[in-house]
């Protein structure tokens, strides 16, 4: 028997949201994109075929309110903001209207460690309306948390875990470069970072996720974020960074018990990185080391992780969920080969 296509609304049409919408359109056997929502006046009212430069009209226009979409969606993918509380307010609005929500909001990834009040609010709203909510993506969502969790499975005992991620920002979207302060002076970087709406979000959430599910008995967890400053004038293809200005950021979370580091997550994102990689080192019995040469390409992989998990997400019971609740992530978009 042929399975019914999943009806999806894409909420937010930045680069990631646009990528998700295009991926949904590219798999019409599995998904029906029934609407796109965005608040930008430059996008509202446009046919998505024109907006996405598809060389064809789709008769599906961008609207500024989900209430303007007459068909009932099976799931809404929300790709708008990263930070609480705005992201949580948007998600609750959708839950209260009976929508299942997959969100890319980093700070919703593991609310159990970040904000118990918001967790209860979203979980209650989802259960009250018989729907579900999940936050996921590449990081947080996969590389430095879910994948790390799976890598520990062959171990009988573990002394410590270290994960590292090196990202070349010249290969990433402009919005991310700006969010990480590329081109700013060190003073401007520090001022922006002090507002707590700057830098890559979610690294602490990944650490809290791992500490919870691996029962890491730490007595001190610390987060540090430092600018990576240029000691030369950087001339990129589309950007110039003057000497002593910011090339990117280095962020690290460490969980310690006494002098022993039990968990270390280090993320370096810089526009002049000569290599990219993701690495996981588990000091255990047996030791397990995983290195992904060239790294997991965040923007493309982020789109794929969302689209690949929609079906499994809809199989979850109503309520708030994190990545420990969903079946092992996998490619689910068709045949291989």
C-alpha atoms as a PDB file:
ATOM      1  CA  UNK A   1       0.000   0.000   0.000  1.00  0.00           C
ATOM      2  CA  UNK A   2       1.382   3.398  -0.977  1.00  0.00           C
ATOM      3  CA  UNK A   3       2.217   5.603   2.013  1.00  0.00           C
ATOM      4  CA  UNK A   4       0.550   9.007   2.276  1.00  0.00           C
ATOM      5  CA  UNK A   5       2.792  11.968   1.657  1.00  0.00           C
ATOM      6  CA  UNK A   6       3.652  14.008   4.732  1.00  0.00           C
ATOM      7  CA  UNK A   7       2.246  17.541   4.536  1.00  0.00           C
ATOM      8  CA  UNK A   8       4.845  20.095   5.662  1.00  0.00           C
ATOM      9  CA  UNK A   9       4.896  23.847   6.270  1.00  0.00           C
ATOM     10  CA  UNK A  10       8.300  25.544   6.258  1.00  0.00           C
ATOM     11  CA  UNK A  11       8.324  28.391   8.816  1.00  0.00           C
ATOM     12  CA  UNK A  12      11.246  30.711   8.117  1.00  0.00           C
ATOM     13  CA  UNK A  13      13.028  31.133   4.786  1.00  0.00           C
ATOM     14  CA  UNK A  14      16.578  32.049   5.629  1.00  0.00           C
ATOM     15  CA  UNK A  15      19.310  29.981   4.008  1.00  0.00           C
ATOM     16  CA  UNK A  16      18.602  26.885   6.118  1.00  0.00           C
ATOM     17  CA  UNK A  17      14.816  27.183   5.820  1.00  0.00           C
ATOM     18  CA  UNK A  18      15.078  27.670   2.072  1.00  0.00           C
ATOM     19  CA  UNK A  19      17.319  24.610   1.840  1.00  0.00           C
ATOM     20  CA  UNK A  20      14.779  22.537   3.761  1.00  0.00           C
ATOM     21  CA  UNK A  21      11.919  23.721   1.546  1.00  0.00           C
ATOM     22  CA  UNK A  22      13.888  22.854  -1.594  1.00  0.00           C
ATOM     23  CA  UNK A  23      14.725  19.410  -0.216  1.00  0.00           C
ATOM     24  CA  UNK A  24      11.055  18.776   0.511  1.00  0.00           C
ATOM     25  CA  UNK A  25      10.150  19.805  -3.033  1.00  0.00           C
ATOM     26  CA  UNK A  26      12.860  17.463  -4.306  1.00  0.00           C
ATOM     27  CA  UNK A  27      11.140  14.429  -2.754  1.00  0.00           C
ATOM     28  CA  UNK A  28       7.506  14.735  -3.860  1.00  0.00           C
ATOM     29  CA  UNK A  29       6.977  11.005  -3.308  1.00  0.00           C
ATOM     30  CA  UNK A  30       7.480  11.509   0.445  1.00  0.00           C
ATOM     31  CA  UNK A  31       6.520  15.108   1.164  1.00  0.00           C
ATOM     32  CA  UNK A  32       3.974  17.704   0.122  1.00  0.00           C
ATOM     33  CA  UNK A  33       5.134  21.243   0.845  1.00  0.00           C
ATOM     34  CA  UNK A  34       1.807  22.980   1.492  1.00  0.00           C
ATOM     35  CA  UNK A  35       3.067  26.371   2.631  1.00  0.00           C
ATOM     36  CA  UNK A  36       5.961  28.679   3.470  1.00  0.00           C
ATOM     37  CA  UNK A  37       5.863  31.353   6.168  1.00  0.00           C
ATOM     38  CA  UNK A  38       8.260  34.268   6.501  1.00  0.00           C
ATOM     39  CA  UNK A  39       8.009  37.738   8.013  1.00  0.00           C
ATOM     40  CA  UNK A  40      10.234  39.472   5.450  1.00  0.00           C
ATOM     41  CA  UNK A  41       8.315  41.964   3.261  1.00  0.00           C
ATOM     42  CA  UNK A  42      10.705  41.114   0.397  1.00  0.00           C
ATOM     43  CA  UNK A  43       9.502  37.485   0.442  1.00  0.00           C
ATOM     44  CA  UNK A  44       5.826  37.670   1.394  1.00  0.00           C
ATOM     45  CA  UNK A  45       3.573  37.244  -1.630  1.00  0.00           C
ATOM     46  CA  UNK A  46       6.265  35.774  -3.871  1.00  0.00           C
ATOM     47  CA  UNK A  47       5.788  32.442  -5.581  1.00  0.00           C
ATOM     48  CA  UNK A  48       8.374  30.089  -4.094  1.00  0.00           C
ATOM     49  CA  UNK A  49       9.378  28.984  -7.590  1.00  0.00           C
ATOM     50  CA  UNK A  50      10.509  32.553  -8.246  1.00  0.00           C
ATOM     51  CA  UNK A  51      11.988  33.012  -4.758  1.00  0.00           C
ATOM     52  CA  UNK A  52      13.981  29.780  -4.979  1.00  0.00           C
ATOM     53  CA  UNK A  53      14.981  30.433  -8.628  1.00  0.00           C
ATOM     54  CA  UNK A  54      13.446  27.159  -9.787  1.00  0.00           C
ATOM     55  CA  UNK A  55      12.611  28.477 -13.284  1.00  0.00           C
ATOM     56  CA  UNK A  56       8.992  27.488 -12.757  1.00  0.00           C
ATOM     57  CA  UNK A  57       5.964  28.747 -10.878  1.00  0.00           C
ATOM     58  CA  UNK A  58       4.555  26.549  -8.124  1.00  0.00           C
ATOM     59  CA  UNK A  59       1.382  28.534  -7.288  1.00  0.00           C
ATOM     60  CA  UNK A  60       2.582  28.410  -3.679  1.00  0.00           C
ATOM     61  CA  UNK A  61       3.150  31.889  -2.311  1.00  0.00           C
ATOM     62  CA  UNK A  62       4.990  32.915   0.820  1.00  0.00           C
ATOM     63  CA  UNK A  63       2.630  34.116   3.562  1.00  0.00           C
ATOM     64  CA  UNK A  64       3.389  36.013   6.770  1.00  0.00           C
ATOM     65  CA  UNK A  65       0.980  34.041   8.965  1.00  0.00           C
ATOM     66  CA  UNK A  66       0.489  30.305   9.264  1.00  0.00           C
ATOM     67  CA  UNK A  67      -3.226  31.011   9.599  1.00  0.00           C
ATOM     68  CA  UNK A  68      -3.248  31.912   5.895  1.00  0.00           C
ATOM     69  CA  UNK A  69      -2.457  28.274   4.986  1.00  0.00           C
ATOM     70  CA  UNK A  70      -5.749  26.439   4.541  1.00  0.00           C
ATOM     71  CA  UNK A  71      -4.481  22.849   4.365  1.00  0.00           C
ATOM     72  CA  UNK A  72      -3.684  21.103   7.632  1.00  0.00           C
ATOM     73  CA  UNK A  73       0.014  20.332   8.025  1.00  0.00           C
ATOM     74  CA  UNK A  74       1.349  17.122   9.533  1.00  0.00           C
ATOM     75  CA  UNK A  75       4.438  18.997  10.675  1.00  0.00           C
ATOM     76  CA  UNK A  76       5.806  22.532  10.742  1.00  0.00           C
ATOM     77  CA  UNK A  77       9.572  22.971  10.405  1.00  0.00           C
ATOM     78  CA  UNK A  78      10.533  26.137  12.262  1.00  0.00           C
ATOM     79  CA  UNK A  79      13.842  27.692  11.150  1.00  0.00           C
ATOM     80  CA  UNK A  80      13.803  31.267  12.392  1.00  0.00           C
ATOM     81  CA  UNK A  81      15.810  32.085  15.523  1.00  0.00           C
ATOM     82  CA  UNK A  82      18.374  30.297  17.697  1.00  0.00           C
ATOM     83  CA  UNK A  83      17.869  31.785  21.124  1.00  0.00           C
ATOM     84  CA  UNK A  84      15.341  31.536  23.942  1.00  0.00           C
ATOM     85  CA  UNK A  85      12.844  32.918  24.732  1.00  0.00           C
ATOM     86  CA  UNK A  86      11.814  34.047  21.221  1.00  0.00           C
ATOM     87  CA  UNK A  87      12.270  30.583  19.724  1.00  0.00           C
ATOM     88  CA  UNK A  88      10.235  28.967  22.507  1.00  0.00           C
ATOM     89  CA  UNK A  89       7.448  31.527  22.127  1.00  0.00           C
ATOM     90  CA  UNK A  90       7.173  30.729  18.412  1.00  0.00           C
ATOM     91  CA  UNK A  91       7.171  26.983  19.060  1.00  0.00           C
ATOM     92  CA  UNK A  92       4.488  27.271  21.754  1.00  0.00           C
ATOM     93  CA  UNK A  93       2.341  29.376  19.400  1.00  0.00           C
ATOM     94  CA  UNK A  94       2.486  26.544  16.860  1.00  0.00           C
ATOM     95  CA  UNK A  95       1.875  23.806  19.432  1.00  0.00           C
ATOM     96  CA  UNK A  96      -1.152  25.625  20.795  1.00  0.00           C
ATOM     97  CA  UNK A  97      -2.622  25.592  17.295  1.00  0.00           C
ATOM     98  CA  UNK A  98      -2.211  21.850  17.004  1.00  0.00           C
ATOM     99  CA  UNK A  99       0.943  21.640  14.893  1.00  0.00           C
ATOM    100  CA  UNK A 100       3.745  19.113  15.312  1.00  0.00           C
ATOM    101  CA  UNK A 101       6.992  21.121  15.306  1.00  0.00           C
ATOM    102  CA  UNK A 102      10.538  20.241  14.305  1.00  0.00           C
ATOM    103  CA  UNK A 103      12.734  23.223  15.120  1.00  0.00           C
ATOM    104  CA  UNK A 104      16.312  24.152  14.307  1.00  0.00           C
ATOM    105  CA  UNK A 105      16.490  26.437  17.383  1.00  0.00           C
ATOM    106  CA  UNK A 106      19.726  25.432  19.100  1.00  0.00           C
ATOM    107  CA  UNK A 107      18.681  26.488  22.594  1.00  0.00           C
ATOM    108  CA  UNK A 108      15.621  24.197  22.490  1.00  0.00           C
ATOM    109  CA  UNK A 109      17.796  21.140  21.738  1.00  0.00           C
ATOM    110  CA  UNK A 110      18.079  19.960  25.377  1.00  0.00           C
ATOM    111  CA  UNK A 111      15.836  22.018  27.602  1.00  0.00           C
ATOM    112  CA  UNK A 112      16.312  19.530  30.420  1.00  0.00           C
ATOM    113  CA  UNK A 113      19.685  21.100  31.081  1.00  0.00           C
ATOM    114  CA  UNK A 114      18.924  24.688  30.084  1.00  0.00           C
ATOM    115  CA  UNK A 115      15.459  25.732  31.256  1.00  0.00           C
ATOM    116  CA  UNK A 116      13.131  23.413  33.158  1.00  0.00           C
ATOM    117  CA  UNK A 117      10.318  25.976  33.188  1.00  0.00           C
ATOM    118  CA  UNK A 118      10.347  26.284  29.386  1.00  0.00           C
ATOM    119  CA  UNK A 119      10.614  22.496  29.095  1.00  0.00           C
ATOM    120  CA  UNK A 120       7.452  22.044  31.179  1.00  0.00           C
ATOM    121  CA  UNK A 121       5.672  24.751  29.212  1.00  0.00           C
ATOM    122  CA  UNK A 122       6.411  23.201  25.808  1.00  0.00           C
ATOM    123  CA  UNK A 123       5.861  19.622  26.982  1.00  0.00           C
ATOM    124  CA  UNK A 124       2.514  20.559  28.506  1.00  0.00           C
ATOM    125  CA  UNK A 125       1.392  22.474  25.401  1.00  0.00           C
ATOM    126  CA  UNK A 126       2.357  19.568  23.136  1.00  0.00           C
ATOM    127  CA  UNK A 127       0.604  16.931  25.240  1.00  0.00           C
ATOM    128  CA  UNK A 128      -2.488  19.097  25.701  1.00  0.00           C
ATOM    129  CA  UNK A 129      -2.825  19.384  21.923  1.00  0.00           C
ATOM    130  CA  UNK A 130      -1.797  15.812  21.087  1.00  0.00           C
ATOM    131  CA  UNK A 131       1.324  16.896  19.172  1.00  0.00           C
ATOM    132  CA  UNK A 132       5.092  16.678  19.551  1.00  0.00           C
ATOM    133  CA  UNK A 133       8.180  18.910  19.328  1.00  0.00           C
ATOM    134  CA  UNK A 134      11.844  18.125  18.618  1.00  0.00           C
ATOM    135  CA  UNK A 135      14.879  20.368  18.135  1.00  0.00           C
ATOM    136  CA  UNK A 136      17.684  19.002  15.998  1.00  0.00           C
ATOM    137  CA  UNK A 137      20.399  19.849  13.506  1.00  0.00           C
ATOM    138  CA  UNK A 138      24.091  19.214  12.918  1.00  0.00           C
ATOM    139  CA  UNK A 139      25.434  20.930  16.020  1.00  0.00           C
ATOM    140  CA  UNK A 140      23.653  20.626  18.370  1.00  0.00           C
ATOM    141  CA  UNK A 141      21.733  17.577  17.281  1.00  0.00           C
ATOM    142  CA  UNK A 142      24.322  15.245  15.825  1.00  0.00           C
ATOM    143  CA  UNK A 143      28.096  15.716  15.599  1.00  0.00           C
ATOM    144  CA  UNK A 144      28.985  16.744  19.160  1.00  0.00           C
ATOM    145  CA  UNK A 145      26.185  15.013  21.050  1.00  0.00           C
ATOM    146  CA  UNK A 146      24.080  12.273  19.406  1.00  0.00           C
ATOM    147  CA  UNK A 147      27.059  10.865  17.493  1.00  0.00           C
ATOM    148  CA  UNK A 148      29.231  11.060  20.609  1.00  0.00           C
ATOM    149  CA  UNK A 149      26.554   9.189  22.548  1.00  0.00           C
ATOM    150  CA  UNK A 150      26.508   6.376  19.966  1.00  0.00           C
ATOM    151  CA  UNK A 151      30.313   6.163  19.864  1.00  0.00           C
ATOM    152  CA  UNK A 152      30.374   5.291  23.582  1.00  0.00           C
ATOM    153  CA  UNK A 153      28.289   2.118  23.053  1.00  0.00           C
ATOM    154  CA  UNK A 154      31.270  -0.289  22.590  1.00  0.00           C
ATOM    155  CA  UNK A 155      32.868   0.748  25.906  1.00  0.00           C
ATOM    156  CA  UNK A 156      32.803  -1.214  29.169  1.00  0.00           C
ATOM    157  CA  UNK A 157      34.181   1.771  31.066  1.00  0.00           C
ATOM    158  CA  UNK A 158      35.007   5.392  30.248  1.00  0.00           C
ATOM    159  CA  UNK A 159      37.487   7.772  31.859  1.00  0.00           C
ATOM    160  CA  UNK A 160      36.907  10.813  29.656  1.00  0.00           C
ATOM    161  CA  UNK A 161      35.429  12.056  26.379  1.00  0.00           C
ATOM    162  CA  UNK A 162      36.767  14.741  24.076  1.00  0.00           C
ATOM    163  CA  UNK A 163      35.122  16.023  20.910  1.00  0.00           C
ATOM    164  CA  UNK A 164      36.582  18.617  18.543  1.00  0.00           C
ATOM    165  CA  UNK A 165      35.167  20.384  15.534  1.00  0.00           C
ATOM    166  CA  UNK A 166      37.105  22.616  13.128  1.00  0.00           C
ATOM    167  CA  UNK A 167      35.007  24.580  10.653  1.00  0.00           C
ATOM    168  CA  UNK A 168      36.122  26.724   7.712  1.00  0.00           C
ATOM    169  CA  UNK A 169      33.726  29.676   7.797  1.00  0.00           C
ATOM    170  CA  UNK A 170      34.583  30.724   4.253  1.00  0.00           C
ATOM    171  CA  UNK A 171      32.479  27.733   3.158  1.00  0.00           C
ATOM    172  CA  UNK A 172      29.518  28.717   5.346  1.00  0.00           C
ATOM    173  CA  UNK A 173      26.656  31.148   4.917  1.00  0.00           C
ATOM    174  CA  UNK A 174      27.209  34.896   5.391  1.00  0.00           C
ATOM    175  CA  UNK A 175      24.660  35.038   8.224  1.00  0.00           C
ATOM    176  CA  UNK A 176      26.750  32.584  10.246  1.00  0.00           C
ATOM    177  CA  UNK A 177      29.944  34.534   9.580  1.00  0.00           C
ATOM    178  CA  UNK A 178      28.249  37.663  10.898  1.00  0.00           C
ATOM    179  CA  UNK A 179      26.844  35.856  13.951  1.00  0.00           C
ATOM    180  CA  UNK A 180      30.377  34.756  14.804  1.00  0.00           C
ATOM    181  CA  UNK A 181      31.807  38.246  14.486  1.00  0.00           C
ATOM    182  CA  UNK A 182      34.008  37.843  11.425  1.00  0.00           C
ATOM    183  CA  UNK A 183      35.563  41.207  10.598  1.00  0.00           C
ATOM    184  CA  UNK A 184      34.799  42.873  13.929  1.00  0.00           C
ATOM    185  CA  UNK A 185      37.413  44.441  16.142  1.00  0.00           C
ATOM    186  CA  UNK A 186      38.160  42.538  19.346  1.00  0.00           C
ATOM    187  CA  UNK A 187      36.382  45.269  21.318  1.00  0.00           C
ATOM    188  CA  UNK A 188      33.261  44.981  19.162  1.00  0.00           C
ATOM    189  CA  UNK A 189      33.353  41.210  19.562  1.00  0.00           C
ATOM    190  CA  UNK A 190      33.525  41.418  23.358  1.00  0.00           C
ATOM    191  CA  UNK A 191      30.656  43.935  23.463  1.00  0.00           C
ATOM    192  CA  UNK A 192      28.446  41.755  21.256  1.00  0.00           C
ATOM    193  CA  UNK A 193      29.300  38.596  23.191  1.00  0.00           C
ATOM    194  CA  UNK A 194      28.270  40.298  26.428  1.00  0.00           C
ATOM    195  CA  UNK A 195      24.713  40.562  25.089  1.00  0.00           C
ATOM    196  CA  UNK A 196      24.479  36.729  25.087  1.00  0.00           C
ATOM    197  CA  UNK A 197      23.043  36.654  21.568  1.00  0.00           C
ATOM    198  CA  UNK A 198      26.312  36.098  19.788  1.00  0.00           C
ATOM    199  CA  UNK A 199      28.524  33.229  18.780  1.00  0.00           C
ATOM    200  CA  UNK A 200      27.491  29.691  17.968  1.00  0.00           C
ATOM    201  CA  UNK A 201      24.579  28.620  20.164  1.00  0.00           C
ATOM    202  CA  UNK A 202      24.096  25.168  21.611  1.00  0.00           C
ATOM    203  CA  UNK A 203      27.510  23.907  22.731  1.00  0.00           C
ATOM    204  CA  UNK A 204      26.547  23.986  26.410  1.00  0.00           C
ATOM    205  CA  UNK A 205      23.317  22.189  25.503  1.00  0.00           C
ATOM    206  CA  UNK A 206      25.339  19.415  23.830  1.00  0.00           C
ATOM    207  CA  UNK A 207      27.454  19.093  26.983  1.00  0.00           C
ATOM    208  CA  UNK A 208      24.385  18.972  29.223  1.00  0.00           C
ATOM    209  CA  UNK A 209      22.823  16.331  26.966  1.00  0.00           C
ATOM    210  CA  UNK A 210      25.911  14.115  27.201  1.00  0.00           C
ATOM    211  CA  UNK A 211      26.353  14.683  30.931  1.00  0.00           C
ATOM    212  CA  UNK A 212      22.745  13.657  31.531  1.00  0.00           C
ATOM    213  CA  UNK A 213      22.600  10.542  29.368  1.00  0.00           C
ATOM    214  CA  UNK A 214      26.121   9.307  30.203  1.00  0.00           C
ATOM    215  CA  UNK A 215      25.774  10.061  33.912  1.00  0.00           C
ATOM    216  CA  UNK A 216      28.932  12.202  33.973  1.00  0.00           C
ATOM    217  CA  UNK A 217      29.568  13.007  37.629  1.00  0.00           C
ATOM    218  CA  UNK A 218      31.250  16.412  37.339  1.00  0.00           C
ATOM    219  CA  UNK A 219      31.486  19.076  40.012  1.00  0.00           C
ATOM    220  CA  UNK A 220      32.360  21.988  37.700  1.00  0.00           C
ATOM    221  CA  UNK A 221      31.260  22.796  34.133  1.00  0.00           C
ATOM    222  CA  UNK A 222      32.620  25.863  32.380  1.00  0.00           C
ATOM    223  CA  UNK A 223      32.017  27.533  29.040  1.00  0.00           C
ATOM    224  CA  UNK A 224      34.546  29.803  27.352  1.00  0.00           C
ATOM    225  CA  UNK A 225      34.313  31.753  24.105  1.00  0.00           C
ATOM    226  CA  UNK A 226      37.265  33.649  22.664  1.00  0.00           C
ATOM    227  CA  UNK A 227      37.717  35.489  19.384  1.00  0.00           C
ATOM    228  CA  UNK A 228      40.303  34.167  16.940  1.00  0.00           C
ATOM    229  CA  UNK A 229      42.220  37.299  15.992  1.00  0.00           C
ATOM    230  CA  UNK A 230      44.118  37.788  12.740  1.00  0.00           C
ATOM    231  CA  UNK A 231      47.861  38.357  12.924  1.00  0.00           C
ATOM    232  CA  UNK A 232      47.816  39.354   9.246  1.00  0.00           C
ATOM    233  CA  UNK A 233      45.433  40.967   6.735  1.00  0.00           C
ATOM    234  CA  UNK A 234      43.134  38.240   5.465  1.00  0.00           C
ATOM    235  CA  UNK A 235      41.880  38.617   1.878  1.00  0.00           C
ATOM    236  CA  UNK A 236      39.099  36.143   1.130  1.00  0.00           C
ATOM    237  CA  UNK A 237      37.053  35.728  -1.993  1.00  0.00           C
ATOM    238  CA  UNK A 238      34.147  37.756  -0.582  1.00  0.00           C
ATOM    239  CA  UNK A 239      35.506  39.245   2.629  1.00  0.00           C
ATOM    240  CA  UNK A 240      38.467  41.169   4.006  1.00  0.00           C
ATOM    241  CA  UNK A 241      39.567  40.912   7.647  1.00  0.00           C
ATOM    242  CA  UNK A 242      42.126  43.416   8.834  1.00  0.00           C
ATOM    243  CA  UNK A 243      45.022  42.453  11.099  1.00  0.00           C
ATOM    244  CA  UNK A 244      43.994  42.248  14.786  1.00  0.00           C
ATOM    245  CA  UNK A 245      40.331  41.816  13.784  1.00  0.00           C
ATOM    246  CA  UNK A 246      38.213  38.705  14.206  1.00  0.00           C
ATOM    247  CA  UNK A 247      38.574  35.660  11.945  1.00  0.00           C
ATOM    248  CA  UNK A 248      36.112  33.571  13.954  1.00  0.00           C
ATOM    249  CA  UNK A 249      35.606  32.048  17.398  1.00  0.00           C
ATOM    250  CA  UNK A 250      36.873  29.285  19.632  1.00  0.00           C
ATOM    251  CA  UNK A 251      34.322  27.906  22.081  1.00  0.00           C
ATOM    252  CA  UNK A 252      34.861  25.196  24.653  1.00  0.00           C
ATOM    253  CA  UNK A 253      32.853  23.485  27.362  1.00  0.00           C
ATOM    254  CA  UNK A 254      34.697  21.440  29.976  1.00  0.00           C
ATOM    255  CA  UNK A 255      33.222  19.331  32.762  1.00  0.00           C
ATOM    256  CA  UNK A 256      35.643  18.443  35.554  1.00  0.00           C
ATOM    257  CA  UNK A 257      35.731  16.451  38.745  1.00  0.00           C
ATOM    258  CA  UNK A 258      38.590  17.823  40.772  1.00  0.00           C
ATOM    259  CA  UNK A 259      41.552  18.142  38.424  1.00  0.00           C
ATOM    260  CA  UNK A 260      40.235  15.503  35.987  1.00  0.00           C
ATOM    261  CA  UNK A 261      38.522  16.647  32.792  1.00  0.00           C
ATOM    262  CA  UNK A 262      35.683  14.194  32.169  1.00  0.00           C
ATOM    263  CA  UNK A 263      34.167  15.919  29.129  1.00  0.00           C
ATOM    264  CA  UNK A 264      35.596  18.448  26.692  1.00  0.00           C
ATOM    265  CA  UNK A 265      33.792  19.874  23.679  1.00  0.00           C
ATOM    266  CA  UNK A 266      35.861  22.284  21.593  1.00  0.00           C
ATOM    267  CA  UNK A 267      34.475  24.114  18.564  1.00  0.00           C
ATOM    268  CA  UNK A 268      36.695  26.317  16.410  1.00  0.00           C
ATOM    269  CA  UNK A 269      35.125  28.203  13.525  1.00  0.00           C
ATOM    270  CA  UNK A 270      37.404  30.501  11.529  1.00  0.00           C
ATOM    271  CA  UNK A 271      37.307  31.899   8.045  1.00  0.00           C
ATOM    272  CA  UNK A 272      40.919  30.986   7.276  1.00  0.00           C
ATOM    273  CA  UNK A 273      40.895  27.369   8.500  1.00  0.00           C
ATOM    274  CA  UNK A 274      43.198  25.302   6.298  1.00  0.00           C
ATOM    275  CA  UNK A 275      41.472  22.026   7.177  1.00  0.00           C
ATOM    276  CA  UNK A 276      38.097  20.901   8.472  1.00  0.00           C
ATOM    277  CA  UNK A 277      37.437  17.883  10.647  1.00  0.00           C
ATOM    278  CA  UNK A 278      35.220  16.402  13.332  1.00  0.00           C
ATOM    279  CA  UNK A 279      36.818  14.159  15.927  1.00  0.00           C
ATOM    280  CA  UNK A 280      35.646  12.153  18.920  1.00  0.00           C
ATOM    281  CA  UNK A 281      38.101  10.576  21.377  1.00  0.00           C
ATOM    282  CA  UNK A 282      36.765   8.261  24.058  1.00  0.00           C
ATOM    283  CA  UNK A 283      39.330   7.215  26.666  1.00  0.00           C
ATOM    284  CA  UNK A 284      37.696   3.969  27.654  1.00  0.00           C
ATOM    285  CA  UNK A 285      37.831   0.200  27.644  1.00  0.00           C
ATOM    286  CA  UNK A 286      38.307  -0.186  24.767  1.00  0.00           C
ATOM    287  CA  UNK A 287      39.328   3.283  23.581  1.00  0.00           C
ATOM    288  CA  UNK A 288      37.292   4.541  20.626  1.00  0.00           C
ATOM    289  CA  UNK A 289      38.519   7.293  18.282  1.00  0.00           C
ATOM    290  CA  UNK A 290      36.499   8.621  15.357  1.00  0.00           C
ATOM    291  CA  UNK A 291      37.819  11.241  12.922  1.00  0.00           C
ATOM    292  CA  UNK A 292      35.733  12.613  10.059  1.00  0.00           C
ATOM    293  CA  UNK A 293      38.113  14.130   7.536  1.00  0.00           C
ATOM    294  CA  UNK A 294      36.762  17.357   5.986  1.00  0.00           C
ATOM    295  CA  UNK A 295      34.078  17.406   8.684  1.00  0.00           C
ATOM    296  CA  UNK A 296      30.315  17.237   8.336  1.00  0.00           C
ATOM    297  CA  UNK A 297      29.228  20.123   6.082  1.00  0.00           C
ATOM    298  CA  UNK A 298      26.916  21.996   8.412  1.00  0.00           C
ATOM    299  CA  UNK A 299      24.529  23.809   6.092  1.00  0.00           C
ATOM    300  CA  UNK A 300      23.791  20.895   3.746  1.00  0.00           C
ATOM    301  CA  UNK A 301      23.874  18.305   6.531  1.00  0.00           C
ATOM    302  CA  UNK A 302      21.579  20.430   8.685  1.00  0.00           C
ATOM    303  CA  UNK A 303      18.950  20.374   5.961  1.00  0.00           C
ATOM    304  CA  UNK A 304      19.362  16.620   5.493  1.00  0.00           C
ATOM    305  CA  UNK A 305      19.128  15.849   9.208  1.00  0.00           C
ATOM    306  CA  UNK A 306      15.809  17.673   9.459  1.00  0.00           C
ATOM    307  CA  UNK A 307      14.259  16.122   6.354  1.00  0.00           C
ATOM    308  CA  UNK A 308      15.534  12.613   7.100  1.00  0.00           C
ATOM    309  CA  UNK A 309      13.993  12.616  10.581  1.00  0.00           C
ATOM    310  CA  UNK A 310      10.490  13.929   9.892  1.00  0.00           C
ATOM    311  CA  UNK A 311       8.996  10.464   9.497  1.00  0.00           C
ATOM    312  CA  UNK A 312      10.569   9.098  12.699  1.00  0.00           C
ATOM    313  CA  UNK A 313       9.581  12.274  14.542  1.00  0.00           C
ATOM    314  CA  UNK A 314       5.908  11.751  13.736  1.00  0.00           C
ATOM    315  CA  UNK A 315       6.096   8.268  15.282  1.00  0.00           C
ATOM    316  CA  UNK A 316       6.957   9.745  18.708  1.00  0.00           C
ATOM    317  CA  UNK A 317       4.266  10.134  21.390  1.00  0.00           C
ATOM    318  CA  UNK A 318       2.946  13.641  22.126  1.00  0.00           C
ATOM    319  CA  UNK A 319       5.222  15.898  24.149  1.00  0.00           C
ATOM    320  CA  UNK A 320       8.673  17.492  24.118  1.00  0.00           C
ATOM    321  CA  UNK A 321      11.475  15.242  22.858  1.00  0.00           C
ATOM    322  CA  UNK A 322      15.230  15.356  22.515  1.00  0.00           C
ATOM    323  CA  UNK A 323      17.463  13.271  20.261  1.00  0.00           C
ATOM    324  CA  UNK A 324      17.679  10.406  22.764  1.00  0.00           C
ATOM    325  CA  UNK A 325      14.002   9.641  22.125  1.00  0.00           C
ATOM    326  CA  UNK A 326      14.114   9.243  18.355  1.00  0.00           C
ATOM    327  CA  UNK A 327      15.277   6.129  16.538  1.00  0.00           C
ATOM    328  CA  UNK A 328      18.874   6.072  15.312  1.00  0.00           C
ATOM    329  CA  UNK A 329      19.190   8.862  12.704  1.00  0.00           C
ATOM    330  CA  UNK A 330      19.677   7.582   9.183  1.00  0.00           C
ATOM    331  CA  UNK A 331      19.233   8.364   5.505  1.00  0.00           C
ATOM    332  CA  UNK A 332      15.536   7.897   4.727  1.00  0.00           C
ATOM    333  CA  UNK A 333      15.024   9.720   1.449  1.00  0.00           C
ATOM    334  CA  UNK A 334      15.198   6.835  -1.020  1.00  0.00           C
ATOM    335  CA  UNK A 335      17.376   4.095  -2.414  1.00  0.00           C
ATOM    336  CA  UNK A 336      21.164   4.073  -2.324  1.00  0.00           C
ATOM    337  CA  UNK A 337      22.981   3.712  -5.607  1.00  0.00           C
END
